[in-house]
Amino acid sequence: MNRQELRKEVHDLDVTVWVGKSGVDAVTEELDDQLGDRDLVKAKFLRAARGRTPTEELAEELAEKVDAELVETRGNTAVFYR
């Protein structure tokens, strides 16, 4: 899928991973499992996870840990593709 097709798919996607105060490491395995089952996964970064770190930076870190592509970040939500 190209980037434009991925973004169309993202619109109707529900959030299935929430990153909370335990941070990115706490959800790495869950995101990896979900990406094994489907191509796209949407994650929400809660205020406790972000602190003063931008969502984009946290999303990039998470994408790297699970060997996925960061499709987009919008507000406090990120979409991953594998």
PDB file of N, CA and C in Angstrom:
ATOM      1  N   MET A   1       0.839  -1.194   0.000  1.00  0.00           N
ATOM      2  CA  MET A   1       0.000   0.000   0.000  1.00  0.00           C
ATOM      3  C   MET A   1       0.874   1.243   0.000  1.00  0.00           C
ATOM      4  N   ASN A   2       0.461   2.228  -0.748  1.00  0.00           N
ATOM      5  CA  ASN A   2       1.208   3.479  -0.701  1.00  0.00           C
ATOM      6  C   ASN A   2       0.680   4.344   0.448  1.00  0.00           C
ATOM      7  N   ARG A   3       1.354   5.422   0.707  1.00  0.00           N
ATOM      8  CA  ARG A   3       1.035   6.284   1.852  1.00  0.00           C
ATOM      9  C   ARG A   3      -0.405   6.800   1.812  1.00  0.00           C
ATOM     10  N   GLN A   4      -0.878   7.191   0.646  1.00  0.00           N
ATOM     11  CA  GLN A   4      -2.230   7.732   0.518  1.00  0.00           C
ATOM     12  C   GLN A   4      -3.285   6.650   0.824  1.00  0.00           C
ATOM     13  N   GLU A   5      -3.060   5.450   0.346  1.00  0.00           N
ATOM     14  CA  GLU A   5      -3.976   4.346   0.628  1.00  0.00           C
ATOM     15  C   GLU A   5      -3.998   4.014   2.118  1.00  0.00           C
ATOM     16  N   LEU A   6      -2.826   4.054   2.737  1.00  0.00           N
ATOM     17  CA  LEU A   6      -2.749   3.797   4.172  1.00  0.00           C
ATOM     18  C   LEU A   6      -3.543   4.831   4.958  1.00  0.00           C
ATOM     19  N   ARG A   7      -3.426   6.076   4.585  1.00  0.00           N
ATOM     20  CA  ARG A   7      -4.137   7.143   5.300  1.00  0.00           C
ATOM     21  C   ARG A   7      -5.649   7.006   5.171  1.00  0.00           C
ATOM     22  N   LYS A   8      -6.129   6.514   4.044  1.00  0.00           N
ATOM     23  CA  LYS A   8      -7.562   6.269   3.881  1.00  0.00           C
ATOM     24  C   LYS A   8      -8.021   5.171   4.837  1.00  0.00           C
ATOM     25  N   GLU A   9      -7.212   4.127   4.983  1.00  0.00           N
ATOM     26  CA  GLU A   9      -7.540   3.016   5.876  1.00  0.00           C
ATOM     27  C   GLU A   9      -7.558   3.466   7.343  1.00  0.00           C
ATOM     28  N   VAL A  10      -6.700   4.399   7.691  1.00  0.00           N
ATOM     29  CA  VAL A  10      -6.544   4.869   9.066  1.00  0.00           C
ATOM     30  C   VAL A  10      -7.814   5.536   9.577  1.00  0.00           C
ATOM     31  N   HIS A  11      -8.525   6.186   8.705  1.00  0.00           N
ATOM     32  CA  HIS A  11      -9.683   6.979   9.112  1.00  0.00           C
ATOM     33  C   HIS A  11     -10.678   6.184   9.954  1.00  0.00           C
ATOM     34  N   ASP A  12     -10.993   4.967   9.572  1.00  0.00           N
ATOM     35  CA  ASP A  12     -11.996   4.161  10.267  1.00  0.00           C
ATOM     36  C   ASP A  12     -11.402   3.214  11.318  1.00  0.00           C
ATOM     37  N   LEU A  13     -10.119   3.310  11.546  1.00  0.00           N
ATOM     38  CA  LEU A  13      -9.433   2.422  12.474  1.00  0.00           C
ATOM     39  C   LEU A  13      -9.656   2.863  13.918  1.00  0.00           C
ATOM     40  N   ASP A  14      -9.940   1.910  14.799  1.00  0.00           N
ATOM     41  CA  ASP A  14     -10.106   2.204  16.225  1.00  0.00           C
ATOM     42  C   ASP A  14      -8.768   2.081  16.942  1.00  0.00           C
ATOM     43  N   VAL A  15      -8.617   2.828  18.026  1.00  0.00           N
ATOM     44  CA  VAL A  15      -7.423   2.728  18.869  1.00  0.00           C
ATOM     45  C   VAL A  15      -7.462   1.388  19.597  1.00  0.00           C
ATOM     46  N   THR A  16      -6.380   0.627  19.502  1.00  0.00           N
ATOM     47  CA  THR A  16      -6.322  -0.672  20.180  1.00  0.00           C
ATOM     48  C   THR A  16      -5.131  -0.782  21.131  1.00  0.00           C
ATOM     49  N   VAL A  17      -4.257   0.228  21.137  1.00  0.00           N
ATOM     50  CA  VAL A  17      -3.112   0.243  22.053  1.00  0.00           C
ATOM     51  C   VAL A  17      -3.084   1.608  22.738  1.00  0.00           C
ATOM     52  N   TRP A  18      -2.992   1.589  24.067  1.00  0.00           N
ATOM     53  CA  TRP A  18      -2.901   2.830  24.829  1.00  0.00           C
ATOM     54  C   TRP A  18      -1.573   2.839  25.555  1.00  0.00           C
ATOM     55  N   VAL A  19      -0.804   3.893  25.342  1.00  0.00           N
ATOM     56  CA  VAL A  19       0.495   4.048  26.004  1.00  0.00           C
ATOM     57  C   VAL A  19       0.271   4.953  27.202  1.00  0.00           C
ATOM     58  N   GLY A  20       0.484   4.412  28.398  1.00  0.00           N
ATOM     59  CA  GLY A  20       0.230   5.145  29.631  1.00  0.00           C
ATOM     60  C   GLY A  20       1.500   5.477  30.377  1.00  0.00           C
ATOM     61  N   LYS A  21       1.357   5.598  31.698  1.00  0.00           N
ATOM     62  CA  LYS A  21       2.482   6.051  32.522  1.00  0.00           C
ATOM     63  C   LYS A  21       3.658   5.084  32.540  1.00  0.00           C
ATOM     64  N   SER A  22       3.424   3.823  32.175  1.00  0.00           N
ATOM     65  CA  SER A  22       4.527   2.851  32.127  1.00  0.00           C
ATOM     66  C   SER A  22       5.396   3.033  30.893  1.00  0.00           C
ATOM     67  N   GLY A  23       4.920   3.841  29.945  1.00  0.00           N
ATOM     68  CA  GLY A  23       5.730   4.197  28.788  1.00  0.00           C
ATOM     69  C   GLY A  23       5.689   3.212  27.636  1.00  0.00           C
ATOM     70  N   VAL A  24       6.555   3.475  26.682  1.00  0.00           N
ATOM     71  CA  VAL A  24       6.623   2.743  25.422  1.00  0.00           C
ATOM     72  C   VAL A  24       6.996   1.269  25.639  1.00  0.00           C
ATOM     73  N   ASP A  25       7.922   1.008  26.545  1.00  0.00           N
ATOM     74  CA  ASP A  25       8.387  -0.365  26.762  1.00  0.00           C
ATOM     75  C   ASP A  25       7.259  -1.295  27.203  1.00  0.00           C
ATOM     76  N   ALA A  26       6.285  -0.752  27.925  1.00  0.00           N
ATOM     77  CA  ALA A  26       5.195  -1.576  28.449  1.00  0.00           C
ATOM     78  C   ALA A  26       4.243  -2.077  27.360  1.00  0.00           C
ATOM     79  N   VAL A  27       4.219  -1.428  26.209  1.00  0.00           N
ATOM     80  CA  VAL A  27       3.274  -1.820  25.147  1.00  0.00           C
ATOM     81  C   VAL A  27       3.973  -2.395  23.914  1.00  0.00           C
ATOM     82  N   THR A  28       5.272  -2.493  23.944  1.00  0.00           N
ATOM     83  CA  THR A  28       6.022  -2.969  22.787  1.00  0.00           C
ATOM     84  C   THR A  28       5.563  -4.356  22.341  1.00  0.00           C
ATOM     85  N   GLU A  29       5.457  -5.279  23.270  1.00  0.00           N
ATOM     86  CA  GLU A  29       5.064  -6.643  22.929  1.00  0.00           C
ATOM     87  C   GLU A  29       3.630  -6.684  22.392  1.00  0.00           C
ATOM     88  N   GLU A  30       2.731  -5.929  23.024  1.00  0.00           N
ATOM     89  CA  GLU A  30       1.334  -5.903  22.573  1.00  0.00           C
ATOM     90  C   GLU A  30       1.228  -5.351  21.154  1.00  0.00           C
ATOM     91  N   LEU A  31       1.916  -4.270  20.877  1.00  0.00           N
ATOM     92  CA  LEU A  31       1.884  -3.691  19.531  1.00  0.00           C
ATOM     93  C   LEU A  31       2.472  -4.667  18.517  1.00  0.00           C
ATOM     94  N   ASP A  32       3.553  -5.313  18.874  1.00  0.00           N
ATOM     95  CA  ASP A  32       4.181  -6.298  17.986  1.00  0.00           C
ATOM     96  C   ASP A  32       3.197  -7.431  17.663  1.00  0.00           C
ATOM     97  N   ASP A  33       2.499  -7.927  18.679  1.00  0.00           N
ATOM     98  CA  ASP A  33       1.503  -8.986  18.475  1.00  0.00           C
ATOM     99  C   ASP A  33       0.378  -8.518  17.551  1.00  0.00           C
ATOM    100  N   GLN A  34      -0.121  -7.319  17.795  1.00  0.00           N
ATOM    101  CA  GLN A  34      -1.222  -6.807  16.976  1.00  0.00           C
ATOM    102  C   GLN A  34      -0.793  -6.589  15.527  1.00  0.00           C
ATOM    103  N   LEU A  35       0.428  -6.139  15.325  1.00  0.00           N
ATOM    104  CA  LEU A  35       0.916  -5.957  13.958  1.00  0.00           C
ATOM    105  C   LEU A  35       1.131  -7.298  13.254  1.00  0.00           C
ATOM    106  N   GLY A  36       1.284  -8.349  14.028  1.00  0.00           N
ATOM    107  CA  GLY A  36       1.368  -9.683  13.447  1.00  0.00           C
ATOM    108  C   GLY A  36       0.022 -10.160  12.932  1.00  0.00           C
ATOM    109  N   ASP A  37      -1.050  -9.658  13.549  1.00  0.00           N
ATOM    110  CA  ASP A  37      -2.411 -10.056  13.178  1.00  0.00           C
ATOM    111  C   ASP A  37      -3.022  -9.181  12.094  1.00  0.00           C
ATOM    112  N   ARG A  38      -2.618  -7.918  12.045  1.00  0.00           N
ATOM    113  CA  ARG A  38      -3.186  -6.985  11.054  1.00  0.00           C
ATOM    114  C   ARG A  38      -2.119  -5.991  10.608  1.00  0.00           C
ATOM    115  N   ASP A  39      -2.378  -5.350   9.489  1.00  0.00           N
ATOM    116  CA  ASP A  39      -1.391  -4.446   8.901  1.00  0.00           C
ATOM    117  C   ASP A  39      -1.262  -3.118   9.645  1.00  0.00           C
ATOM    118  N   LEU A  40      -2.379  -2.555  10.067  1.00  0.00           N
ATOM    119  CA  LEU A  40      -2.395  -1.234  10.683  1.00  0.00           C
ATOM    120  C   LEU A  40      -2.866  -1.307  12.131  1.00  0.00           C
ATOM    121  N   VAL A  41      -2.194  -0.563  13.010  1.00  0.00           N
ATOM    122  CA  VAL A  41      -2.595  -0.475  14.413  1.00  0.00           C
ATOM    123  C   VAL A  41      -2.513   0.986  14.834  1.00  0.00           C
ATOM    124  N   LYS A  42      -3.569   1.434  15.510  1.00  0.00           N
ATOM    125  CA  LYS A  42      -3.613   2.812  15.995  1.00  0.00           C
ATOM    126  C   LYS A  42      -3.359   2.811  17.503  1.00  0.00           C
ATOM    127  N   ALA A  43      -2.475   3.697  17.951  1.00  0.00           N
ATOM    128  CA  ALA A  43      -2.124   3.794  19.367  1.00  0.00           C
ATOM    129  C   ALA A  43      -2.344   5.213  19.860  1.00  0.00           C
ATOM    130  N   LYS A  44      -2.800   5.332  21.089  1.00  0.00           N
ATOM    131  CA  LYS A  44      -3.019   6.634  21.709  1.00  0.00           C
ATOM    132  C   LYS A  44      -2.012   6.807  22.837  1.00  0.00           C
ATOM    133  N   PHE A  45      -1.375   7.961  22.872  1.00  0.00           N
ATOM    134  CA  PHE A  45      -0.391   8.281  23.903  1.00  0.00           C
ATOM    135  C   PHE A  45      -1.065   9.173  24.939  1.00  0.00           C
ATOM    136  N   LEU A  46      -1.308   8.617  26.118  1.00  0.00           N
ATOM    137  CA  LEU A  46      -1.975   9.352  27.177  1.00  0.00           C
ATOM    138  C   LEU A  46      -1.024  10.382  27.789  1.00  0.00           C
ATOM    139  N   ARG A  47      -1.575  11.353  28.457  1.00  0.00           N
ATOM    140  CA  ARG A  47      -0.791  12.451  29.030  1.00  0.00           C
ATOM    141  C   ARG A  47       0.323  11.932  29.939  1.00  0.00           C
ATOM    142  N   ALA A  48       0.031  10.911  30.730  1.00  0.00           N
ATOM    143  CA  ALA A  48       1.027  10.361  31.659  1.00  0.00           C
ATOM    144  C   ALA A  48       2.239   9.800  30.918  1.00  0.00           C
ATOM    145  N   ALA A  49       2.047   9.302  29.714  1.00  0.00           N
ATOM    146  CA  ALA A  49       3.150   8.740  28.926  1.00  0.00           C
ATOM    147  C   ALA A  49       3.991   9.832  28.298  1.00  0.00           C
ATOM    148  N   ARG A  50       3.343  10.906  27.910  1.00  0.00           N
ATOM    149  CA  ARG A  50       4.030  11.956  27.160  1.00  0.00           C
ATOM    150  C   ARG A  50       4.930  12.823  28.015  1.00  0.00           C
ATOM    151  N   GLY A  51       4.450  13.237  29.154  1.00  0.00           N
ATOM    152  CA  GLY A  51       5.231  14.183  29.945  1.00  0.00           C
ATOM    153  C   GLY A  51       5.547  15.397  29.087  1.00  0.00           C
ATOM    154  N   ARG A  52       6.805  15.670  28.895  1.00  0.00           N
ATOM    155  CA  ARG A  52       7.220  16.792  28.038  1.00  0.00           C
ATOM    156  C   ARG A  52       7.766  16.323  26.698  1.00  0.00           C
ATOM    157  N   THR A  53       7.657  15.036  26.442  1.00  0.00           N
ATOM    158  CA  THR A  53       8.161  14.469  25.191  1.00  0.00           C
ATOM    159  C   THR A  53       7.076  14.534  24.117  1.00  0.00           C
ATOM    160  N   PRO A  54       7.404  15.028  22.939  1.00  0.00           N
ATOM    161  CA  PRO A  54       6.412  15.099  21.859  1.00  0.00           C
ATOM    162  C   PRO A  54       5.923  13.705  21.445  1.00  0.00           C
ATOM    163  N   THR A  55       4.667  13.615  21.099  1.00  0.00           N
ATOM    164  CA  THR A  55       4.070  12.351  20.675  1.00  0.00           C
ATOM    165  C   THR A  55       4.832  11.746  19.506  1.00  0.00           C
ATOM    166  N   GLU A  56       5.220  12.572  18.565  1.00  0.00           N
ATOM    167  CA  GLU A  56       5.936  12.075  17.384  1.00  0.00           C
ATOM    168  C   GLU A  56       7.224  11.345  17.785  1.00  0.00           C
ATOM    169  N   GLU A  57       7.938  11.899  18.741  1.00  0.00           N
ATOM    170  CA  GLU A  57       9.189  11.289  19.195  1.00  0.00           C
ATOM    171  C   GLU A  57       8.930   9.926  19.848  1.00  0.00           C
ATOM    172  N   LEU A  58       7.909   9.853  20.694  1.00  0.00           N
ATOM    173  CA  LEU A  58       7.555   8.585  21.337  1.00  0.00           C
ATOM    174  C   LEU A  58       7.092   7.556  20.308  1.00  0.00           C
ATOM    175  N   ALA A  59       6.316   8.005  19.333  1.00  0.00           N
ATOM    176  CA  ALA A  59       5.813   7.111  18.284  1.00  0.00           C
ATOM    177  C   ALA A  59       6.962   6.560  17.442  1.00  0.00           C
ATOM    178  N   GLU A  60       7.926   7.391  17.119  1.00  0.00           N
ATOM    179  CA  GLU A  60       9.081   6.934  16.349  1.00  0.00           C
ATOM    180  C   GLU A  60       9.882   5.900  17.131  1.00  0.00           C
ATOM    181  N   GLU A  61      10.024   6.132  18.429  1.00  0.00           N
ATOM    182  CA  GLU A  61      10.741   5.181  19.289  1.00  0.00           C
ATOM    183  C   GLU A  61      10.011   3.835  19.307  1.00  0.00           C
ATOM    184  N   LEU A  62       8.707   3.878  19.450  1.00  0.00           N
ATOM    185  CA  LEU A  62       7.909   2.651  19.480  1.00  0.00           C
ATOM    186  C   LEU A  62       7.968   1.920  18.143  1.00  0.00           C
ATOM    187  N   ALA A  63       7.887   2.654  17.051  1.00  0.00           N
ATOM    188  CA  ALA A  63       7.960   2.044  15.715  1.00  0.00           C
ATOM    189  C   ALA A  63       9.296   1.330  15.520  1.00  0.00           C
ATOM    190  N   GLU A  64      10.346   1.949  15.984  1.00  0.00           N
ATOM    191  CA  GLU A  64      11.678   1.345  15.855  1.00  0.00           C
ATOM    192  C   GLU A  64      11.779   0.055  16.662  1.00  0.00           C
ATOM    193  N   LYS A  65      11.198   0.041  17.859  1.00  0.00           N
ATOM    194  CA  LYS A  65      11.273  -1.129  18.728  1.00  0.00           C
ATOM    195  C   LYS A  65      10.535  -2.332  18.154  1.00  0.00           C
ATOM    196  N   VAL A  66       9.466  -2.093  17.385  1.00  0.00           N
ATOM    197  CA  VAL A  66       8.683  -3.213  16.840  1.00  0.00           C
ATOM    198  C   VAL A  66       8.932  -3.411  15.352  1.00  0.00           C
ATOM    199  N   ASP A  67       9.913  -2.699  14.813  1.00  0.00           N
ATOM    200  CA  ASP A  67      10.264  -2.803  13.406  1.00  0.00           C
ATOM    201  C   ASP A  67       9.046  -2.551  12.506  1.00  0.00           C
ATOM    202  N   ALA A  68       8.406  -1.408  12.742  1.00  0.00           N
ATOM    203  CA  ALA A  68       7.225  -1.018  11.974  1.00  0.00           C
ATOM    204  C   ALA A  68       7.440   0.369  11.396  1.00  0.00           C
ATOM    205  N   GLU A  69       6.584   0.727  10.461  1.00  0.00           N
ATOM    206  CA  GLU A  69       6.623   2.058   9.868  1.00  0.00           C
ATOM    207  C   GLU A  69       5.598   2.932  10.574  1.00  0.00           C
ATOM    208  N   LEU A  70       5.992   4.136  10.914  1.00  0.00           N
ATOM    209  CA  LEU A  70       5.073   5.113  11.483  1.00  0.00           C
ATOM    210  C   LEU A  70       4.368   5.791  10.320  1.00  0.00           C
ATOM    211  N   VAL A  71       3.074   5.518  10.160  1.00  0.00           N
ATOM    212  CA  VAL A  71       2.308   6.069   9.039  1.00  0.00           C
ATOM    213  C   VAL A  71       2.043   7.544   9.268  1.00  0.00           C
ATOM    214  N   GLU A  72       1.540   7.883  10.464  1.00  0.00           N
ATOM    215  CA  GLU A  72       1.265   9.273  10.790  1.00  0.00           C
ATOM    216  C   GLU A  72       1.039   9.442  12.278  1.00  0.00           C
ATOM    217  N   THR A  73       1.207  10.669  12.736  1.00  0.00           N
ATOM    218  CA  THR A  73       0.771  11.036  14.077  1.00  0.00           C
ATOM    219  C   THR A  73      -0.185  12.196  13.897  1.00  0.00           C
ATOM    220  N   ARG A  74      -1.223  12.164  14.689  1.00  0.00           N
ATOM    221  CA  ARG A  74      -2.214  13.241  14.639  1.00  0.00           C
ATOM    222  C   ARG A  74      -2.643  13.473  16.077  1.00  0.00           C
ATOM    223  N   GLY A  75      -2.333  14.638  16.605  1.00  0.00           N
ATOM    224  CA  GLY A  75      -2.615  14.899  18.013  1.00  0.00           C
ATOM    225  C   GLY A  75      -1.797  13.957  18.869  1.00  0.00           C
ATOM    226  N   ASN A  76      -2.474  13.184  19.707  1.00  0.00           N
ATOM    227  CA  ASN A  76      -1.790  12.238  20.593  1.00  0.00           C
ATOM    228  C   ASN A  76      -1.965  10.792  20.132  1.00  0.00           C
ATOM    229  N   THR A  77      -2.268  10.625  18.848  1.00  0.00           N
ATOM    230  CA  THR A  77      -2.506   9.307  18.275  1.00  0.00           C
ATOM    231  C   THR A  77      -1.503   9.045  17.150  1.00  0.00           C
ATOM    232  N   ALA A  78      -1.062   7.789  17.079  1.00  0.00           N
ATOM    233  CA  ALA A  78      -0.123   7.387  16.041  1.00  0.00           C
ATOM    234  C   ALA A  78      -0.623   6.103  15.377  1.00  0.00           C
ATOM    235  N   VAL A  79      -0.265   5.937  14.109  1.00  0.00           N
ATOM    236  CA  VAL A  79      -0.647   4.728  13.375  1.00  0.00           C
ATOM    237  C   VAL A  79       0.616   4.054  12.873  1.00  0.00           C
ATOM    238  N   PHE A  80       0.654   2.731  13.102  1.00  0.00           N
ATOM    239  CA  PHE A  80       1.816   1.921  12.728  1.00  0.00           C
ATOM    240  C   PHE A  80       1.424   0.918  11.661  1.00  0.00           C
ATOM    241  N   TYR A  81       2.380   0.610  10.777  1.00  0.00           N
ATOM    242  CA  TYR A  81       2.145  -0.305   9.660  1.00  0.00           C
ATOM    243  C   TYR A  81       3.291  -1.290   9.545  1.00  0.00           C
ATOM    244  N   ARG A  82       2.929  -2.530   9.270  1.00  0.00           N
ATOM    245  CA  ARG A  82       3.958  -3.524   8.988  1.00  0.00           C
ATOM    246  C   ARG A  82       3.454  -4.457   7.912  1.00  0.00           C
TER     247      ARG A  82
END
